[in-house]
PDB file of all heavy atoms in Angstrom:
ATOM      1  N   GLU A   1       7.020   5.278  -2.238  1.00  0.00           N
ATOM      2  CA  GLU A   1       7.925   4.234  -1.944  1.00  0.00           C
ATOM      3  C   GLU A   1       7.255   2.965  -1.508  1.00  0.00           C
ATOM      4  O   GLU A   1       7.699   1.852  -1.913  1.00  0.00           O
ATOM      5  CB  GLU A   1       8.922   4.727  -0.851  1.00  0.00           C
ATOM      6  CG  GLU A   1       9.875   5.855  -1.261  1.00  0.00           C
ATOM      7  CD  GLU A   1       9.226   7.202  -1.237  1.00  0.00           C
ATOM      8  OE1 GLU A   1       8.055   7.375  -0.788  1.00  0.00           O
ATOM      9  OE2 GLU A   1       9.860   8.175  -1.717  1.00  0.00           O
ATOM     10  N   ASN A   2       6.172   3.059  -0.765  1.00  0.00           N
ATOM     11  CA  ASN A   2       5.440   1.869  -0.377  1.00  0.00           C
ATOM     12  C   ASN A   2       4.774   1.244  -1.552  1.00  0.00           C
ATOM     13  O   ASN A   2       4.758  -0.004  -1.681  1.00  0.00           O
ATOM     14  CB  ASN A   2       4.343   2.206   0.661  1.00  0.00           C
ATOM     15  CG  ASN A   2       4.994   2.428   2.066  1.00  0.00           C
ATOM     16  OD1 ASN A   2       5.928   1.733   2.428  1.00  0.00           O
ATOM     17  ND2 ASN A   2       4.499   3.343   2.822  1.00  0.00           N
ATOM     18  N   LEU A   3       4.294   1.999  -2.481  1.00  0.00           N
ATOM     19  CA  LEU A   3       3.648   1.453  -3.692  1.00  0.00           C
ATOM     20  C   LEU A   3       4.676   0.745  -4.519  1.00  0.00           C
ATOM     21  O   LEU A   3       4.395  -0.335  -5.073  1.00  0.00           O
ATOM     22  CB  LEU A   3       2.959   2.580  -4.494  1.00  0.00           C
ATOM     23  CG  LEU A   3       1.675   3.147  -3.878  1.00  0.00           C
ATOM     24  CD1 LEU A   3       1.207   4.374  -4.685  1.00  0.00           C
ATOM     25  CD2 LEU A   3       0.585   2.129  -3.775  1.00  0.00           C
ATOM     26  N   VAL A   4       5.873   1.340  -4.681  1.00  0.00           N
ATOM     27  CA  VAL A   4       6.941   0.632  -5.419  1.00  0.00           C
ATOM     28  C   VAL A   4       7.215  -0.704  -4.813  1.00  0.00           C
ATOM     29  O   VAL A   4       7.312  -1.701  -5.461  1.00  0.00           O
ATOM     30  CB  VAL A   4       8.223   1.537  -5.454  1.00  0.00           C
ATOM     31  CG1 VAL A   4       9.397   0.785  -5.967  1.00  0.00           C
ATOM     32  CG2 VAL A   4       7.986   2.791  -6.271  1.00  0.00           C
ATOM     33  N   ILE A   5       7.435  -0.771  -3.502  1.00  0.00           N
ATOM     34  CA  ILE A   5       7.771  -2.016  -2.826  1.00  0.00           C
ATOM     35  C   ILE A   5       6.669  -3.020  -2.923  1.00  0.00           C
ATOM     36  O   ILE A   5       6.875  -4.205  -3.285  1.00  0.00           O
ATOM     37  CB  ILE A   5       8.169  -1.717  -1.371  1.00  0.00           C
ATOM     38  CG1 ILE A   5       9.482  -0.930  -1.288  1.00  0.00           C
ATOM     39  CG2 ILE A   5       8.286  -3.026  -0.589  1.00  0.00           C
ATOM     40  CD1 ILE A   5       9.768  -0.318  -0.006  1.00  0.00           C
ATOM     41  N   LEU A   6       5.453  -2.578  -2.590  1.00  0.00           N
ATOM     42  CA  LEU A   6       4.344  -3.511  -2.558  1.00  0.00           C
ATOM     43  C   LEU A   6       3.889  -3.995  -3.922  1.00  0.00           C
ATOM     44  O   LEU A   6       3.412  -5.145  -4.057  1.00  0.00           O
ATOM     45  CB  LEU A   6       3.126  -2.817  -1.874  1.00  0.00           C
ATOM     46  CG  LEU A   6       3.335  -2.560  -0.350  1.00  0.00           C
ATOM     47  CD1 LEU A   6       2.156  -1.678   0.190  1.00  0.00           C
ATOM     48  CD2 LEU A   6       3.447  -3.856   0.440  1.00  0.00           C
ATOM     49  N   SER A   7       4.080  -3.205  -4.942  1.00  0.00           N
ATOM     50  CA  SER A   7       3.650  -3.581  -6.291  1.00  0.00           C
ATOM     51  C   SER A   7       4.539  -4.723  -6.822  1.00  0.00           C
ATOM     52  O   SER A   7       4.171  -5.381  -7.758  1.00  0.00           O
ATOM     53  CB  SER A   7       3.641  -2.402  -7.257  1.00  0.00           C
ATOM     54  OG  SER A   7       4.948  -1.916  -7.461  1.00  0.00           O
ATOM     55  N   LYS A   8       5.715  -4.911  -6.210  1.00  0.00           N
ATOM     56  CA  LYS A   8       6.587  -5.981  -6.677  1.00  0.00           C
ATOM     57  C   LYS A   8       6.217  -7.361  -6.051  1.00  0.00           C
ATOM     58  O   LYS A   8       6.549  -8.383  -6.600  1.00  0.00           O
ATOM     59  CB  LYS A   8       7.999  -5.705  -6.279  1.00  0.00           C
ATOM     60  CG  LYS A   8       8.610  -4.513  -7.040  1.00  0.00           C
ATOM     61  CD  LYS A   8      10.004  -4.201  -6.541  1.00  0.00           C
ATOM     62  CE  LYS A   8      10.553  -2.946  -7.307  1.00  0.00           C
ATOM     63  NZ  LYS A   8      11.765  -2.464  -6.752  1.00  0.00           N
ATOM     64  N   LYS A   9       5.385  -7.273  -5.028  1.00  0.00           N
ATOM     65  CA  LYS A   9       5.027  -8.512  -4.266  1.00  0.00           C
ATOM     66  C   LYS A   9       3.526  -8.887  -4.397  1.00  0.00           C
ATOM     67  O   LYS A   9       3.191 -10.026  -4.296  1.00  0.00           O
ATOM     68  CB  LYS A   9       5.405  -8.368  -2.817  1.00  0.00           C
ATOM     69  CG  LYS A   9       5.223  -9.610  -2.009  1.00  0.00           C
ATOM     70  CD  LYS A   9       5.757  -9.469  -0.633  1.00  0.00           C
ATOM     71  CE  LYS A   9       5.539 -10.757   0.127  1.00  0.00           C
ATOM     72  NZ  LYS A   9       6.074 -10.723   1.531  1.00  0.00           N
ATOM     73  N   TYR A  10       2.716  -7.868  -4.580  1.00  0.00           N
ATOM     74  CA  TYR A  10       1.254  -8.037  -4.583  1.00  0.00           C
ATOM     75  C   TYR A  10       0.637  -7.425  -5.854  1.00  0.00           C
ATOM     76  O   TYR A  10       1.166  -6.488  -6.448  1.00  0.00           O
ATOM     77  CB  TYR A  10       0.580  -7.394  -3.388  1.00  0.00           C
ATOM     78  CG  TYR A  10       1.178  -7.878  -2.079  1.00  0.00           C
ATOM     79  CD1 TYR A  10       2.106  -7.154  -1.371  1.00  0.00           C
ATOM     80  CD2 TYR A  10       0.692  -9.046  -1.510  1.00  0.00           C
ATOM     81  CE1 TYR A  10       2.642  -7.622  -0.146  1.00  0.00           C
ATOM     82  CE2 TYR A  10       1.233  -9.530  -0.326  1.00  0.00           C
ATOM     83  CZ  TYR A  10       2.168  -8.811   0.342  1.00  0.00           C
ATOM     84  OH  TYR A  10       2.673  -9.256   1.564  1.00  0.00           O
ATOM     85  N   ASP A  11      -0.538  -7.860  -6.202  1.00  0.00           N
ATOM     86  CA  ASP A  11      -1.399  -7.190  -7.127  1.00  0.00           C
ATOM     87  C   ASP A  11      -2.051  -6.070  -6.360  1.00  0.00           C
ATOM     88  O   ASP A  11      -2.767  -6.263  -5.363  1.00  0.00           O
ATOM     89  CB  ASP A  11      -2.500  -8.119  -7.698  1.00  0.00           C
ATOM     90  CG  ASP A  11      -1.934  -9.180  -8.585  1.00  0.00           C
ATOM     91  OD1 ASP A  11      -0.868  -9.022  -9.227  1.00  0.00           O
ATOM     92  OD2 ASP A  11      -2.563 -10.233  -8.686  1.00  0.00           O
ATOM     93  N   LEU A  12      -1.838  -4.833  -6.823  1.00  0.00           N
ATOM     94  CA  LEU A  12      -2.471  -3.689  -6.190  1.00  0.00           C
ATOM     95  C   LEU A  12      -3.664  -3.194  -6.972  1.00  0.00           C
ATOM     96  O   LEU A  12      -3.645  -3.116  -8.228  1.00  0.00           O
ATOM     97  CB  LEU A  12      -1.444  -2.515  -6.078  1.00  0.00           C
ATOM     98  CG  LEU A  12      -0.107  -2.848  -5.322  1.00  0.00           C
ATOM     99  CD1 LEU A  12       0.702  -1.600  -5.196  1.00  0.00           C
ATOM    100  CD2 LEU A  12      -0.425  -3.445  -3.949  1.00  0.00           C
ATOM    101  N   TYR A  13      -4.658  -2.824  -6.261  1.00  0.00           N
ATOM    102  CA  TYR A  13      -5.879  -2.222  -6.825  1.00  0.00           C
ATOM    103  C   TYR A  13      -6.130  -0.945  -6.131  1.00  0.00           C
ATOM    104  O   TYR A  13      -5.822  -0.749  -4.939  1.00  0.00           O
ATOM    105  CB  TYR A  13      -7.087  -3.172  -6.554  1.00  0.00           C
ATOM    106  CG  TYR A  13      -6.902  -4.514  -7.293  1.00  0.00           C
ATOM    107  CD1 TYR A  13      -6.289  -5.601  -6.649  1.00  0.00           C
ATOM    108  CD2 TYR A  13      -7.363  -4.706  -8.574  1.00  0.00           C
ATOM    109  CE1 TYR A  13      -6.149  -6.815  -7.295  1.00  0.00           C
ATOM    110  CE2 TYR A  13      -7.194  -5.926  -9.240  1.00  0.00           C
ATOM    111  CZ  TYR A  13      -6.558  -6.927  -8.557  1.00  0.00           C
ATOM    112  OH  TYR A  13      -6.421  -8.154  -9.197  1.00  0.00           O
ATOM    113  N   LEU A  14      -6.774   0.003  -6.894  1.00  0.00           N
ATOM    114  CA  LEU A  14      -7.102   1.290  -6.301  1.00  0.00           C
ATOM    115  C   LEU A  14      -8.605   1.437  -6.396  1.00  0.00           C
ATOM    116  O   LEU A  14      -9.257   1.172  -7.376  1.00  0.00           O
ATOM    117  CB  LEU A  14      -6.434   2.414  -7.129  1.00  0.00           C
ATOM    118  CG  LEU A  14      -6.707   3.819  -6.613  1.00  0.00           C
ATOM    119  CD1 LEU A  14      -6.157   4.055  -5.240  1.00  0.00           C
ATOM    120  CD2 LEU A  14      -6.113   4.814  -7.568  1.00  0.00           C
ATOM    121  N   LEU A  15      -9.183   1.854  -5.302  1.00  0.00           N
ATOM    122  CA  LEU A  15     -10.643   2.099  -5.158  1.00  0.00           C
ATOM    123  C   LEU A  15     -10.824   3.569  -4.742  1.00  0.00           C
ATOM    124  O   LEU A  15     -10.188   3.982  -3.788  1.00  0.00           O
ATOM    125  CB  LEU A  15     -11.270   1.178  -4.081  1.00  0.00           C
ATOM    126  CG  LEU A  15     -12.721   1.457  -3.727  1.00  0.00           C
ATOM    127  CD1 LEU A  15     -13.657   1.251  -4.893  1.00  0.00           C
ATOM    128  CD2 LEU A  15     -13.059   0.520  -2.524  1.00  0.00           C
ATOM    129  N   THR A  16     -11.654   4.233  -5.485  1.00  0.00           N
ATOM    130  CA  THR A  16     -11.959   5.631  -5.123  1.00  0.00           C
ATOM    131  C   THR A  16     -13.411   5.971  -5.416  1.00  0.00           C
ATOM    132  O   THR A  16     -13.979   5.439  -6.321  1.00  0.00           O
ATOM    133  CB  THR A  16     -10.993   6.569  -5.810  1.00  0.00           C
ATOM    134  OG1 THR A  16     -11.176   7.896  -5.336  1.00  0.00           O
ATOM    135  CG2 THR A  16     -11.125   6.570  -7.323  1.00  0.00           C
ATOM    136  N   GLN A  17     -13.966   6.835  -4.562  1.00  0.00           N
ATOM    137  CA  GLN A  17     -15.372   7.193  -4.707  1.00  0.00           C
ATOM    138  C   GLN A  17     -15.461   8.687  -4.967  1.00  0.00           C
ATOM    139  O   GLN A  17     -14.761   9.480  -4.321  1.00  0.00           O
ATOM    140  CB  GLN A  17     -16.112   6.789  -3.465  1.00  0.00           C
ATOM    141  CG  GLN A  17     -17.623   7.046  -3.566  1.00  0.00           C
ATOM    142  CD  GLN A  17     -18.360   6.476  -2.406  1.00  0.00           C
ATOM    143  OE1 GLN A  17     -17.879   5.574  -1.757  1.00  0.00           O
ATOM    144  NE2 GLN A  17     -19.563   6.985  -2.155  1.00  0.00           N
ATOM    145  N   GLY A  18     -16.310   9.070  -5.861  1.00  0.00           N
ATOM    146  CA  GLY A  18     -16.568  10.482  -6.124  1.00  0.00           C
ATOM    147  C   GLY A  18     -16.856  10.628  -7.583  1.00  0.00           C
ATOM    148  O   GLY A  18     -17.032   9.708  -8.361  1.00  0.00           O
ATOM    149  N   ASN A  19     -16.812  11.908  -8.047  1.00  0.00           N
ATOM    150  CA  ASN A  19     -17.041  12.164  -9.429  1.00  0.00           C
ATOM    151  C   ASN A  19     -15.930  11.453 -10.271  1.00  0.00           C
ATOM    152  O   ASN A  19     -14.799  11.775 -10.054  1.00  0.00           O
ATOM    153  CB  ASN A  19     -17.006  13.702  -9.671  1.00  0.00           C
ATOM    154  CG  ASN A  19     -17.173  14.081 -11.105  1.00  0.00           C
ATOM    155  OD1 ASN A  19     -16.407  13.594 -11.971  1.00  0.00           O
ATOM    156  ND2 ASN A  19     -18.085  14.950 -11.376  1.00  0.00           N
ATOM    157  N   PRO A  20     -16.275  10.585 -11.152  1.00  0.00           N
ATOM    158  CA  PRO A  20     -15.297   9.812 -11.836  1.00  0.00           C
ATOM    159  C   PRO A  20     -14.301  10.627 -12.640  1.00  0.00           C
ATOM    160  O   PRO A  20     -13.077  10.326 -12.612  1.00  0.00           O
ATOM    161  CB  PRO A  20     -16.092   8.925 -12.836  1.00  0.00           C
ATOM    162  CG  PRO A  20     -17.440   8.805 -12.175  1.00  0.00           C
ATOM    163  CD  PRO A  20     -17.672  10.116 -11.460  1.00  0.00           C
ATOM    164  N   GLU A  21     -14.681  11.715 -13.244  1.00  0.00           N
ATOM    165  CA  GLU A  21     -13.769  12.517 -14.005  1.00  0.00           C
ATOM    166  C   GLU A  21     -12.753  13.210 -13.028  1.00  0.00           C
ATOM    167  O   GLU A  21     -11.587  13.272 -13.359  1.00  0.00           O
ATOM    168  CB  GLU A  21     -14.484  13.543 -14.882  1.00  0.00           C
ATOM    169  CG  GLU A  21     -15.301  12.914 -15.993  1.00  0.00           C
ATOM    170  CD  GLU A  21     -14.495  11.927 -16.801  1.00  0.00           C
ATOM    171  OE1 GLU A  21     -13.348  12.306 -17.240  1.00  0.00           O
ATOM    172  OE2 GLU A  21     -14.986  10.815 -17.041  1.00  0.00           O
ATOM    173  N   ILE A  22     -13.209  13.705 -11.926  1.00  0.00           N
ATOM    174  CA  ILE A  22     -12.286  14.330 -10.985  1.00  0.00           C
ATOM    175  C   ILE A  22     -11.353  13.331 -10.366  1.00  0.00           C
ATOM    176  O   ILE A  22     -10.171  13.528 -10.208  1.00  0.00           O
ATOM    177  CB  ILE A  22     -13.130  14.996  -9.876  1.00  0.00           C
ATOM    178  CG1 ILE A  22     -13.873  16.266 -10.444  1.00  0.00           C
ATOM    179  CG2 ILE A  22     -12.251  15.420  -8.676  1.00  0.00           C
ATOM    180  CD1 ILE A  22     -14.795  16.933  -9.489  1.00  0.00           C
ATOM    181  N   GLN A  23     -11.878  12.098  -9.994  1.00  0.00           N
ATOM    182  CA  GLN A  23     -11.008  11.067  -9.453  1.00  0.00           C
ATOM    183  C   GLN A  23      -9.970  10.640 -10.466  1.00  0.00           C
ATOM    184  O   GLN A  23      -8.807  10.465 -10.070  1.00  0.00           O
ATOM    185  CB  GLN A  23     -11.904   9.860  -8.978  1.00  0.00           C
ATOM    186  CG  GLN A  23     -12.841  10.187  -7.860  1.00  0.00           C
ATOM    187  CD  GLN A  23     -12.204  10.861  -6.671  1.00  0.00           C
ATOM    188  OE1 GLN A  23     -12.169  12.043  -6.557  1.00  0.00           O
ATOM    189  NE2 GLN A  23     -11.777  10.022  -5.776  1.00  0.00           N
ATOM    190  N   LYS A  24     -10.383  10.463 -11.742  1.00  0.00           N
ATOM    191  CA  LYS A  24      -9.387  10.115 -12.737  1.00  0.00           C
ATOM    192  C   LYS A  24      -8.290  11.154 -12.877  1.00  0.00           C
ATOM    193  O   LYS A  24      -7.110  10.817 -13.012  1.00  0.00           O
ATOM    194  CB  LYS A  24     -10.044   9.969 -14.163  1.00  0.00           C
ATOM    195  CG  LYS A  24     -10.895   8.728 -14.251  1.00  0.00           C
ATOM    196  CD  LYS A  24     -11.589   8.731 -15.584  1.00  0.00           C
ATOM    197  CE  LYS A  24     -12.650   7.647 -15.720  1.00  0.00           C
ATOM    198  NZ  LYS A  24     -13.325   7.737 -17.026  1.00  0.00           N
ATOM    199  N   GLN A  25      -8.642  12.437 -12.788  1.00  0.00           N
ATOM    200  CA  GLN A  25      -7.673  13.509 -12.935  1.00  0.00           C
ATOM    201  C   GLN A  25      -6.694  13.507 -11.703  1.00  0.00           C
ATOM    202  O   GLN A  25      -5.513  13.690 -11.888  1.00  0.00           O
ATOM    203  CB  GLN A  25      -8.355  14.871 -13.018  1.00  0.00           C
ATOM    204  CG  GLN A  25      -7.382  16.019 -13.293  1.00  0.00           C
ATOM    205  CD  GLN A  25      -6.592  15.792 -14.506  1.00  0.00           C
ATOM    206  OE1 GLN A  25      -7.122  15.637 -15.587  1.00  0.00           O
ATOM    207  NE2 GLN A  25      -5.288  15.917 -14.371  1.00  0.00           N
ATOM    208  N   LYS A  26      -7.263  13.232 -10.562  1.00  0.00           N
ATOM    209  CA  LYS A  26      -6.406  13.189  -9.357  1.00  0.00           C
ATOM    210  C   LYS A  26      -5.377  12.035  -9.509  1.00  0.00           C
ATOM    211  O   LYS A  26      -4.219  12.182  -9.173  1.00  0.00           O
ATOM    212  CB  LYS A  26      -7.224  13.076  -8.069  1.00  0.00           C
ATOM    213  CG  LYS A  26      -7.989  14.296  -7.754  1.00  0.00           C
ATOM    214  CD  LYS A  26      -8.543  14.288  -6.357  1.00  0.00           C
ATOM    215  CE  LYS A  26      -9.722  13.362  -6.169  1.00  0.00           C
ATOM    216  NZ  LYS A  26     -10.428  13.502  -4.888  1.00  0.00           N
ATOM    217  N   ILE A  27      -5.825  10.888  -9.943  1.00  0.00           N
ATOM    218  CA  ILE A  27      -4.951   9.771 -10.139  1.00  0.00           C
ATOM    219  C   ILE A  27      -3.835  10.066 -11.154  1.00  0.00           C
ATOM    220  O   ILE A  27      -2.651   9.806 -10.934  1.00  0.00           O
ATOM    221  CB  ILE A  27      -5.744   8.514 -10.591  1.00  0.00           C
ATOM    222  CG1 ILE A  27      -6.684   8.035  -9.445  1.00  0.00           C
ATOM    223  CG2 ILE A  27      -4.836   7.358 -10.997  1.00  0.00           C
ATOM    224  CD1 ILE A  27      -7.809   7.108  -9.873  1.00  0.00           C
ATOM    225  N   LYS A  28      -4.271  10.653 -12.237  1.00  0.00           N
ATOM    226  CA  LYS A  28      -3.323  11.090 -13.321  1.00  0.00           C
ATOM    227  C   LYS A  28      -2.320  12.100 -12.733  1.00  0.00           C
ATOM    228  O   LYS A  28      -1.093  11.967 -12.967  1.00  0.00           O
ATOM    229  CB  LYS A  28      -4.072  11.637 -14.467  1.00  0.00           C
ATOM    230  CG  LYS A  28      -3.139  12.078 -15.603  1.00  0.00           C
ATOM    231  CD  LYS A  28      -3.986  12.599 -16.788  1.00  0.00           C
ATOM    232  CE  LYS A  28      -3.094  13.119 -17.922  1.00  0.00           C
ATOM    233  NZ  LYS A  28      -3.868  13.723 -18.942  1.00  0.00           N
ATOM    234  N   SER A  29      -2.756  13.101 -12.005  1.00  0.00           N
ATOM    235  CA  SER A  29      -1.906  14.126 -11.465  1.00  0.00           C
ATOM    236  C   SER A  29      -0.966  13.635 -10.404  1.00  0.00           C
ATOM    237  O   SER A  29       0.127  14.126 -10.203  1.00  0.00           O
ATOM    238  CB  SER A  29      -2.754  15.298 -10.925  1.00  0.00           C
ATOM    239  OG  SER A  29      -3.535  15.889 -11.939  1.00  0.00           O
ATOM    240  N   ALA A  30      -1.417  12.581  -9.686  1.00  0.00           N
ATOM    241  CA  ALA A  30      -0.538  11.974  -8.641  1.00  0.00           C
ATOM    242  C   ALA A  30       0.489  11.018  -9.284  1.00  0.00           C
ATOM    243  O   ALA A  30       1.410  10.565  -8.586  1.00  0.00           O
ATOM    244  CB  ALA A  30      -1.390  11.254  -7.606  1.00  0.00           C
ATOM    245  N   LYS A  31       0.300  10.674 -10.542  1.00  0.00           N
ATOM    246  CA  LYS A  31       1.143   9.776 -11.257  1.00  0.00           C
ATOM    247  C   LYS A  31       1.342   8.401 -10.548  1.00  0.00           C
ATOM    248  O   LYS A  31       2.488   7.926 -10.345  1.00  0.00           O
ATOM    249  CB  LYS A  31       2.491  10.413 -11.515  1.00  0.00           C
ATOM    250  CG  LYS A  31       2.432  11.692 -12.408  1.00  0.00           C
ATOM    251  CD  LYS A  31       3.773  12.319 -12.618  1.00  0.00           C
ATOM    252  CE  LYS A  31       3.563  13.549 -13.439  1.00  0.00           C
ATOM    253  NZ  LYS A  31       4.742  14.318 -13.556  1.00  0.00           N
ATOM    254  N   ILE A  32       0.189   7.800 -10.269  1.00  0.00           N
ATOM    255  CA  ILE A  32       0.267   6.518  -9.595  1.00  0.00           C
ATOM    256  C   ILE A  32      -0.409   5.352 -10.315  1.00  0.00           C
ATOM    257  O   ILE A  32      -0.399   4.227  -9.836  1.00  0.00           O
ATOM    258  CB  ILE A  32      -0.358   6.645  -8.182  1.00  0.00           C
ATOM    259  CG1 ILE A  32      -1.832   7.181  -8.277  1.00  0.00           C
ATOM    260  CG2 ILE A  32       0.484   7.506  -7.261  1.00  0.00           C
ATOM    261  CD1 ILE A  32      -2.584   7.134  -6.960  1.00  0.00           C
ATOM    262  N   GLU A  33      -1.021   5.649 -11.466  1.00  0.00           N
ATOM    263  CA  GLU A  33      -1.794   4.589 -12.139  1.00  0.00           C
ATOM    264  C   GLU A  33      -0.941   3.386 -12.487  1.00  0.00           C
ATOM    265  O   GLU A  33      -1.470   2.257 -12.574  1.00  0.00           O
ATOM    266  CB  GLU A  33      -2.526   5.150 -13.376  1.00  0.00           C
ATOM    267  CG  GLU A  33      -1.587   5.784 -14.421  1.00  0.00           C
ATOM    268  CD  GLU A  33      -1.368   7.248 -14.229  1.00  0.00           C
ATOM    269  OE1 GLU A  33      -1.740   7.850 -13.194  1.00  0.00           O
ATOM    270  OE2 GLU A  33      -0.792   7.868 -15.121  1.00  0.00           O
ATOM    271  N   LYS A  34       0.330   3.547 -12.774  1.00  0.00           N
ATOM    272  CA  LYS A  34       1.202   2.465 -13.151  1.00  0.00           C
ATOM    273  C   LYS A  34       1.341   1.372 -12.050  1.00  0.00           C
ATOM    274  O   LYS A  34       1.740   0.254 -12.352  1.00  0.00           O
ATOM    275  CB  LYS A  34       2.548   2.936 -13.546  1.00  0.00           C
ATOM    276  CG  LYS A  34       3.376   3.590 -12.387  1.00  0.00           C
ATOM    277  CD  LYS A  34       4.668   4.127 -12.859  1.00  0.00           C
ATOM    278  CE  LYS A  34       5.379   4.746 -11.694  1.00  0.00           C
ATOM    279  NZ  LYS A  34       6.593   5.452 -12.118  1.00  0.00           N
ATOM    280  N   PHE A  35       1.053   1.697 -10.774  1.00  0.00           N
ATOM    281  CA  PHE A  35       1.236   0.757  -9.709  1.00  0.00           C
ATOM    282  C   PHE A  35       0.104  -0.249  -9.597  1.00  0.00           C
ATOM    283  O   PHE A  35       0.217  -1.252  -8.903  1.00  0.00           O
ATOM    284  CB  PHE A  35       1.413   1.492  -8.361  1.00  0.00           C
ATOM    285  CG  PHE A  35       2.633   2.345  -8.322  1.00  0.00           C
ATOM    286  CD1 PHE A  35       2.534   3.733  -8.345  1.00  0.00           C
ATOM    287  CD2 PHE A  35       3.882   1.778  -8.315  1.00  0.00           C
ATOM    288  CE1 PHE A  35       3.676   4.512  -8.239  1.00  0.00           C
ATOM    289  CE2 PHE A  35       5.065   2.507  -8.220  1.00  0.00           C
ATOM    290  CZ  PHE A  35       4.938   3.907  -8.249  1.00  0.00           C
ATOM    291  N   PHE A  36      -1.012   0.052 -10.251  1.00  0.00           N
ATOM    292  CA  PHE A  36      -2.256  -0.667 -10.006  1.00  0.00           C
ATOM    293  C   PHE A  36      -2.670  -1.610 -11.140  1.00  0.00           C
ATOM    294  O   PHE A  36      -2.640  -1.198 -12.320  1.00  0.00           O
ATOM    295  CB  PHE A  36      -3.407   0.282  -9.675  1.00  0.00           C
ATOM    296  CG  PHE A  36      -3.135   1.049  -8.421  1.00  0.00           C
ATOM    297  CD1 PHE A  36      -2.626   2.382  -8.503  1.00  0.00           C
ATOM    298  CD2 PHE A  36      -3.259   0.514  -7.147  1.00  0.00           C
ATOM    299  CE1 PHE A  36      -2.332   3.123  -7.362  1.00  0.00           C
ATOM    300  CE2 PHE A  36      -2.958   1.229  -6.019  1.00  0.00           C
ATOM    301  CZ  PHE A  36      -2.503   2.510  -6.082  1.00  0.00           C
ATOM    302  N   LYS A  37      -3.024  -2.769 -10.757  1.00  0.00           N
ATOM    303  CA  LYS A  37      -3.442  -3.756 -11.754  1.00  0.00           C
ATOM    304  C   LYS A  37      -4.813  -3.317 -12.351  1.00  0.00           C
ATOM    305  O   LYS A  37      -5.092  -3.494 -13.509  1.00  0.00           O
ATOM    306  CB  LYS A  37      -3.615  -5.128 -11.114  1.00  0.00           C
ATOM    307  CG  LYS A  37      -4.059  -6.186 -12.029  1.00  0.00           C
ATOM    308  CD  LYS A  37      -3.999  -7.580 -11.399  1.00  0.00           C
ATOM    309  CE  LYS A  37      -4.372  -8.645 -12.391  1.00  0.00           C
ATOM    310  NZ  LYS A  37      -4.227  -9.978 -11.835  1.00  0.00           N
TER     311      LYS A  37
END
């Protein structure tokens, strides 16, 4: 809900550290990529 609200007002970026393939899978599984520029 916060991502929905904030993405309407700000450019959102996501930063994550770790194995890139695992991090990509977590982002995909959480279904949040659409919120981030």
